[in-house]
C-alpha atoms as a PDB file:
ATOM      1  CA  UNK A   1      31.586  80.080 -65.155  1.00  0.00           C
ATOM      2  CA  UNK A   2      32.744  79.028 -61.659  1.00  0.00           C
ATOM      3  CA  UNK A   3      29.444  80.024 -60.131  1.00  0.00           C
ATOM      4  CA  UNK A   4      27.365  77.737 -62.456  1.00  0.00           C
ATOM      5  CA  UNK A   5      29.580  74.753 -61.524  1.00  0.00           C
ATOM      6  CA  UNK A   6      29.377  75.398 -57.797  1.00  0.00           C
ATOM      7  CA  UNK A   7      25.514  75.615 -57.978  1.00  0.00           C
ATOM      8  CA  UNK A   8      25.171  72.355 -59.919  1.00  0.00           C
ATOM      9  CA  UNK A   9      27.596  70.415 -57.646  1.00  0.00           C
ATOM     10  CA  UNK A  10      25.858  71.588 -54.608  1.00  0.00           C
ATOM     11  CA  UNK A  11      22.440  70.273 -55.863  1.00  0.00           C
ATOM     12  CA  UNK A  12      23.954  66.950 -56.830  1.00  0.00           C
ATOM     13  CA  UNK A  13      25.690  66.323 -53.553  1.00  0.00           C
ATOM     14  CA  UNK A  14      22.508  65.847 -51.514  1.00  0.00           C
ATOM     15  CA  UNK A  15      21.247  62.705 -53.206  1.00  0.00           C
ATOM     16  CA  UNK A  16      24.781  61.192 -53.135  1.00  0.00           C
ATOM     17  CA  UNK A  17      25.043  61.593 -49.311  1.00  0.00           C
ATOM     18  CA  UNK A  18      21.645  60.066 -48.840  1.00  0.00           C
ATOM     19  CA  UNK A  19      22.219  56.878 -50.925  1.00  0.00           C
ATOM     20  CA  UNK A  20      24.156  54.049 -49.342  1.00  0.00           C
ATOM     21  CA  UNK A  21      27.580  53.143 -50.746  1.00  0.00           C
ATOM     22  CA  UNK A  22      27.629  50.832 -53.798  1.00  0.00           C
ATOM     23  CA  UNK A  23      29.816  48.306 -51.950  1.00  0.00           C
ATOM     24  CA  UNK A  24      27.146  48.036 -49.215  1.00  0.00           C
ATOM     25  CA  UNK A  25      24.385  47.439 -51.801  1.00  0.00           C
ATOM     26  CA  UNK A  26      26.624  44.905 -53.557  1.00  0.00           C
ATOM     27  CA  UNK A  27      27.190  43.030 -50.260  1.00  0.00           C
ATOM     28  CA  UNK A  28      23.501  42.977 -49.372  1.00  0.00           C
ATOM     29  CA  UNK A  29      22.698  41.746 -52.766  1.00  0.00           C
ATOM     30  CA  UNK A  30      25.288  38.973 -52.541  1.00  0.00           C
ATOM     31  CA  UNK A  31      24.025  38.019 -49.080  1.00  0.00           C
ATOM     32  CA  UNK A  32      20.397  37.776 -50.259  1.00  0.00           C
ATOM     33  CA  UNK A  33      21.555  35.664 -53.330  1.00  0.00           C
ATOM     34  CA  UNK A  34      23.538  33.292 -51.099  1.00  0.00           C
ATOM     35  CA  UNK A  35      20.487  32.944 -48.709  1.00  0.00           C
ATOM     36  CA  UNK A  36      18.277  32.198 -51.662  1.00  0.00           C
ATOM     37  CA  UNK A  37      20.601  29.636 -53.150  1.00  0.00           C
ATOM     38  CA  UNK A  38      21.172  27.896 -49.736  1.00  0.00           C
ATOM     39  CA  UNK A  39      17.450  27.646 -49.157  1.00  0.00           C
ATOM     40  CA  UNK A  40      16.768  26.167 -52.525  1.00  0.00           C
ATOM     41  CA  UNK A  41      19.476  23.518 -51.991  1.00  0.00           C
ATOM     42  CA  UNK A  42      18.085  22.784 -48.522  1.00  0.00           C
ATOM     43  CA  UNK A  43      14.610  22.546 -49.865  1.00  0.00           C
ATOM     44  CA  UNK A  44      15.703  20.191 -52.742  1.00  0.00           C
ATOM     45  CA  UNK A  45      17.817  18.023 -50.329  1.00  0.00           C
ATOM     46  CA  UNK A  46      14.781  17.469 -48.073  1.00  0.00           C
ATOM     47  CA  UNK A  47      14.760  16.555 -44.408  1.00  0.00           C
ATOM     48  CA  UNK A  48      18.024  15.197 -43.114  1.00  0.00           C
ATOM     49  CA  UNK A  49      16.402  13.028 -40.445  1.00  0.00           C
ATOM     50  CA  UNK A  50      12.920  12.078 -41.666  1.00  0.00           C
ATOM     51  CA  UNK A  51      11.985  10.395 -38.304  1.00  0.00           C
ATOM     52  CA  UNK A  52      12.907  13.469 -36.291  1.00  0.00           C
ATOM     53  CA  UNK A  53       9.928  15.390 -34.902  1.00  0.00           C
ATOM     54  CA  UNK A  54      10.018  19.202 -34.034  1.00  0.00           C
ATOM     55  CA  UNK A  55      10.625  20.615 -30.787  1.00  0.00           C
ATOM     56  CA  UNK A  56       6.902  20.981 -30.072  1.00  0.00           C
ATOM     57  CA  UNK A  57       6.460  17.148 -29.703  1.00  0.00           C
ATOM     58  CA  UNK A  58       7.078  17.330 -25.910  1.00  0.00           C
ATOM     59  CA  UNK A  59       7.934  14.278 -23.855  1.00  0.00           C
ATOM     60  CA  UNK A  60      11.591  15.152 -23.176  1.00  0.00           C
ATOM     61  CA  UNK A  61      12.507  11.492 -23.992  1.00  0.00           C
ATOM     62  CA  UNK A  62      16.117  11.297 -24.737  1.00  0.00           C
ATOM     63  CA  UNK A  63      16.290   7.520 -25.413  1.00  0.00           C
ATOM     64  CA  UNK A  64      16.533   4.174 -23.686  1.00  0.00           C
ATOM     65  CA  UNK A  65      19.784   3.257 -21.837  1.00  0.00           C
ATOM     66  CA  UNK A  66      19.625  -0.290 -23.406  1.00  0.00           C
ATOM     67  CA  UNK A  67      19.972   1.228 -26.908  1.00  0.00           C
ATOM     68  CA  UNK A  68      23.402   2.664 -26.055  1.00  0.00           C
ATOM     69  CA  UNK A  69      25.058  -0.769 -25.808  1.00  0.00           C
ATOM     70  CA  UNK A  70      28.060  -1.420 -23.580  1.00  0.00           C
ATOM     71  CA  UNK A  71      30.163   1.595 -22.542  1.00  0.00           C
ATOM     72  CA  UNK A  72      33.861   0.865 -22.255  1.00  0.00           C
ATOM     73  CA  UNK A  73      35.395   1.811 -18.985  1.00  0.00           C
ATOM     74  CA  UNK A  74      32.082   1.764 -17.123  1.00  0.00           C
ATOM     75  CA  UNK A  75      32.640  -1.574 -15.437  1.00  0.00           C
ATOM     76  CA  UNK A  76      35.882  -0.515 -13.783  1.00  0.00           C
END
């Protein structure tokens, strides 16, 4: 009887060692779910700054100094 139990447990141990732990699978599933939800919310919200262009626009133009107004402490 003991020999039959040993043979069956030895054959079942190989797939268990190859498979990742259930906690890791659950964490990865939760991570993918959170990414999908955040992507959907971001897509539904739309662009935050509609006038802003991508980084490929070039120019390197930061802005005009006149638009900044008066800076306190700059006249001392």
